[in-house]
């Protein structure tokens, strides 16, 4: 086991990220996330960040209605090994300025992102 993972973000594939932002603001009162990066629509859902992206952009599913689960983990490499051992399809480890991440699919095909942010 690679340590306990925490569900921190959910990426929703949407036709219009700005319209989705307005909807979730007005219906649920969700504020913009302080973690938001330029070009991303991110809302704070109380411990989980909702990310809205057009279909196929970044980690978003290819069709509207698709979901990607994002897990913050203490060790991305160890989690990659655990995913492979459990039968997941796993992409390449990506190192970026903010940390490291990889995309994967669980055995049923659900999209996952596993990441660790730099402190």
Protein backbone atom coordinates (compact mmCIF):
# COMPACT_ATOMS: atom_id res chain seq x y z
CA UNK A 1 0.00 0.00 0.00
CA UNK A 2 1.25 3.47 -0.87
CA UNK A 3 -0.42 5.36 1.97
CA UNK A 4 -3.96 6.62 2.31
CA UNK A 5 -5.21 8.64 -0.64
CA UNK A 6 -7.59 11.56 -0.29
CA UNK A 7 -10.23 12.57 -2.82
CA UNK A 8 -9.45 16.25 -3.43
CA UNK A 9 -10.86 17.12 -6.83
CA UNK A 10 -13.41 15.99 -9.40
CA UNK A 11 -13.07 17.11 -13.02
CA UNK A 12 -16.34 17.43 -14.91
CA UNK A 13 -16.42 17.50 -18.71
CA UNK A 14 -18.79 20.33 -19.61
CA UNK A 15 -19.77 22.19 -22.77
CA UNK A 16 -19.29 25.65 -21.25
CA UNK A 17 -17.06 25.92 -18.13
CA UNK A 18 -18.14 29.52 -17.41
CA UNK A 19 -21.83 28.57 -17.54
CA UNK A 20 -21.16 25.62 -15.22
CA UNK A 21 -19.38 27.97 -12.82
CA UNK A 22 -22.41 30.26 -12.80
CA UNK A 23 -24.76 27.31 -12.25
CA UNK A 24 -22.84 25.89 -9.26
CA UNK A 25 -22.34 29.39 -7.82
CA UNK A 26 -26.05 30.19 -8.01
CA UNK A 27 -27.50 26.80 -7.05
CA UNK A 28 -25.06 25.63 -4.37
CA UNK A 29 -23.25 28.84 -3.43
CA UNK A 30 -19.85 27.31 -4.22
CA UNK A 31 -17.08 29.94 -4.21
CA UNK A 32 -14.10 30.03 -6.53
CA UNK A 33 -11.31 27.79 -5.33
CA UNK A 34 -8.21 29.51 -3.95
CA UNK A 35 -6.25 26.78 -5.79
CA UNK A 36 -7.56 27.92 -9.19
CA UNK A 37 -4.95 28.19 -11.93
CA UNK A 38 -5.18 30.55 -14.91
CA UNK A 39 -7.44 29.08 -17.57
CA UNK A 40 -9.18 26.70 -15.17
CA UNK A 41 -12.66 27.05 -13.69
CA UNK A 42 -12.37 25.60 -10.17
CA UNK A 43 -14.86 25.82 -7.30
CA UNK A 44 -14.42 24.99 -3.62
CA UNK A 45 -16.91 22.29 -2.63
CA UNK A 46 -15.83 22.01 1.00
CA UNK A 47 -12.67 19.91 0.90
CA UNK A 48 -13.15 18.79 -2.71
CA UNK A 49 -12.43 21.05 -5.67
CA UNK A 50 -14.77 20.87 -8.67
CA UNK A 51 -12.93 21.53 -11.93
CA UNK A 52 -14.88 22.31 -15.12
CA UNK A 53 -13.18 21.70 -18.48
CA UNK A 54 -14.35 21.20 -22.06
CA UNK A 55 -14.55 17.55 -23.15
CA UNK A 56 -11.11 16.06 -23.78
CA UNK A 57 -9.19 19.01 -22.26
CA UNK A 58 -6.55 18.11 -19.70
CA UNK A 59 -7.93 15.31 -17.57
CA UNK A 60 -11.56 15.83 -18.57
CA UNK A 61 -13.50 12.95 -20.03
CA UNK A 62 -14.03 12.94 -23.80
CA UNK A 63 -17.80 13.48 -23.54
CA UNK A 64 -19.90 15.84 -21.43
CA UNK A 65 -21.18 13.99 -18.41
CA UNK A 66 -17.87 12.21 -17.89
CA UNK A 67 -16.05 12.44 -14.56
CA UNK A 68 -12.42 12.14 -13.50
CA UNK A 69 -11.52 11.45 -9.86
CA UNK A 70 -8.38 13.18 -8.60
CA UNK A 71 -6.53 11.72 -5.63
CA UNK A 72 -3.83 13.58 -3.70
CA UNK A 73 -1.35 10.97 -2.47
CA UNK A 74 1.89 11.11 -0.47
CA UNK A 75 3.88 9.12 -3.09
CA UNK A 76 2.84 9.10 -6.76
CA UNK A 77 5.39 6.44 -7.76
CA UNK A 78 4.25 4.00 -5.06
CA UNK A 79 0.63 4.64 -6.02
CA UNK A 80 1.50 3.98 -9.68
CA UNK A 81 2.90 0.59 -8.67
CA UNK A 82 -0.24 -0.17 -6.65
CA UNK A 83 -2.48 0.83 -9.57
CA UNK A 84 -0.58 -1.46 -11.95
CA UNK A 85 -0.76 -4.33 -9.46
CA UNK A 86 -4.52 -3.83 -9.17
CA UNK A 87 -5.06 -4.03 -12.93
CA UNK A 88 -5.40 -0.34 -13.79
CA UNK A 89 -4.25 1.21 -17.05
CA UNK A 90 -1.60 3.75 -16.07
CA UNK A 91 -0.08 6.64 -17.99
CA UNK A 92 3.37 8.13 -17.68
CA UNK A 93 4.44 10.08 -14.62
CA UNK A 94 4.45 13.81 -15.38
CA UNK A 95 6.61 16.24 -13.43
CA UNK A 96 5.41 19.84 -13.54
CA UNK A 97 6.21 23.06 -11.72
CA UNK A 98 3.48 22.48 -9.13
CA UNK A 99 4.28 18.81 -8.47
CA UNK A 100 3.85 15.45 -10.18
CA UNK A 101 0.89 13.52 -11.53
CA UNK A 102 -0.25 10.65 -13.67
CA UNK A 103 -3.48 9.69 -15.37
CA UNK A 104 -4.97 6.22 -15.06
CA UNK A 105 -8.15 4.23 -15.63
CA UNK A 106 -9.58 1.86 -13.09
CA UNK A 107 -10.54 -1.65 -14.23
CA UNK A 108 -14.02 -0.37 -15.19
CA UNK A 109 -12.56 2.47 -17.25
CA UNK A 110 -13.21 5.38 -14.86
CA UNK A 111 -10.70 8.21 -15.32
CA UNK A 112 -8.35 8.88 -12.41
CA UNK A 113 -5.61 11.40 -11.77
CA UNK A 114 -3.11 10.75 -9.00
CA UNK A 115 -0.97 13.68 -7.91
CA UNK A 116 1.27 15.16 -5.26
CA UNK A 117 1.67 18.92 -4.98
CA UNK A 118 4.97 20.45 -3.93
CA UNK A 119 4.90 21.87 -0.43
